[in-house]
Protein backbone atom coordinates (compact mmCIF):
# COMPACT_ATOMS: atom_id res chain seq x y z
CA MET A 1 9.80 83.02 -29.74
CA PRO A 2 6.25 81.90 -29.44
CA PHE A 3 5.12 78.56 -30.98
CA ALA A 4 3.15 79.34 -34.21
CA SER A 5 -0.10 77.52 -33.75
CA ASN A 6 -1.21 78.42 -37.38
CA ALA A 7 1.66 76.54 -38.84
CA LEU A 8 -0.66 73.69 -39.76
CA PRO A 9 -3.81 74.26 -41.82
CA ALA A 10 -7.04 74.29 -39.95
CA GLU A 11 -8.47 71.34 -41.84
CA LYS A 12 -6.60 68.15 -42.57
CA GLU A 13 -5.51 67.93 -46.16
CA GLN A 14 -7.68 65.39 -48.18
CA TRP A 15 -5.74 62.71 -49.76
CA GLU A 16 -6.61 62.41 -53.39
CA GLY A 17 -4.95 60.91 -56.44
CA ASP A 18 -3.18 57.62 -57.17
CA ALA A 19 -1.49 57.40 -53.81
CA MET A 20 -4.64 56.42 -52.06
CA LYS A 21 -6.37 54.29 -54.83
CA PHE A 22 -6.37 50.63 -54.45
CA ASP A 23 -8.30 48.11 -56.50
CA GLU A 24 -10.09 45.36 -54.69
CA LYS A 25 -8.03 42.56 -56.21
CA SER A 26 -4.84 43.96 -54.68
CA LEU A 27 -6.31 44.45 -51.12
CA SER A 28 -7.74 40.96 -51.13
CA ALA A 29 -4.64 39.21 -52.31
CA LEU A 30 -3.60 36.48 -49.95
CA PRO A 31 0.18 35.33 -49.82
CA ARG A 32 -0.55 32.24 -51.77
CA GLU A 33 -1.76 34.39 -54.58
CA VAL A 34 1.50 36.63 -54.70
CA PRO A 35 4.17 34.99 -56.86
CA HIS A 36 7.13 33.72 -54.68
CA TYR A 37 5.81 35.57 -51.56
CA HIS A 38 7.35 33.06 -49.14
CA GLU A 39 10.65 32.91 -51.02
CA ARG A 40 10.78 36.68 -50.78
CA GLN A 41 9.83 36.75 -47.14
CA ALA A 42 12.57 34.23 -46.22
CA THR A 43 15.10 36.33 -47.94
CA HIS A 44 13.94 39.45 -46.31
CA LEU A 45 13.97 37.82 -42.88
CA ARG A 46 17.53 36.48 -43.36
CA SER A 47 18.60 40.07 -44.31
CA LEU A 48 17.16 41.47 -41.10
CA ALA A 49 18.80 38.67 -39.17
CA ALA A 50 22.16 39.55 -40.43
CA ASN A 51 21.74 43.04 -38.70
CA ALA A 52 20.01 41.78 -35.63
CA THR A 53 21.48 43.16 -32.40
CA THR A 54 20.50 40.35 -30.15
CA VAL A 55 20.81 36.61 -30.24
CA GLN A 56 17.01 36.14 -29.48
CA VAL A 57 15.94 38.42 -32.30
CA LYS A 58 18.35 36.87 -34.68
CA ALA A 59 17.06 33.24 -33.77
CA ARG A 60 13.45 34.36 -34.17
CA LEU A 61 14.10 35.86 -37.64
CA LEU A 62 15.96 32.76 -38.86
CA LYS A 63 13.29 30.45 -37.43
CA GLU A 64 10.58 32.55 -39.42
CA ALA A 65 12.72 32.37 -42.55
CA ARG A 66 13.02 28.69 -42.23
CA GLU A 67 9.25 28.43 -41.92
CA HIS A 68 8.60 30.41 -45.10
CA GLU A 69 11.26 28.39 -46.84
CA ASP A 70 9.53 25.26 -45.84
CA ILE A 71 6.10 26.63 -47.19
CA ALA A 72 7.69 27.85 -50.41
CA GLN A 73 9.30 24.39 -50.99
CA SER A 74 6.06 22.54 -50.25
CA GLU A 75 4.08 24.92 -52.69
CA ALA A 76 6.76 24.44 -55.38
CA GLU A 77 6.57 20.42 -55.12
CA PRO A 78 4.30 19.02 -57.84
CA VAL A 79 1.30 16.99 -56.54
CA SER A 80 1.43 13.36 -57.82
CA ALA A 81 -1.66 11.88 -59.47
CA SER A 82 -2.18 9.50 -56.56
CA GLU A 83 -2.21 12.30 -53.97
CA ALA A 84 -4.68 14.45 -55.99
C-alpha cells in the first residue's frame, strides 16, 4: 500500500481562537508575581522525585525542591521595621 502523501493539507492550519490568545500580563508574569509559585514548584519536584528512577535524579529533584521551599519561606517571613 503506497504512502498517501495527500493525508495532510497542503497549507498548515492557522491557529485561531482562545487557545492561542495570551494577554501581555500573563506572558510577563514572573515567579514572584504568581501566588505560592515556589511552594507549588517544591511540591511538584517532590512528586517527581518520588517516581525518579535513579539516585542522581532523585537527589537533584529533592535539592531543587528544598531551594524552592527556602525561597517560599523567605518570601513569607515579614520584614521587620528595622530591616526596611
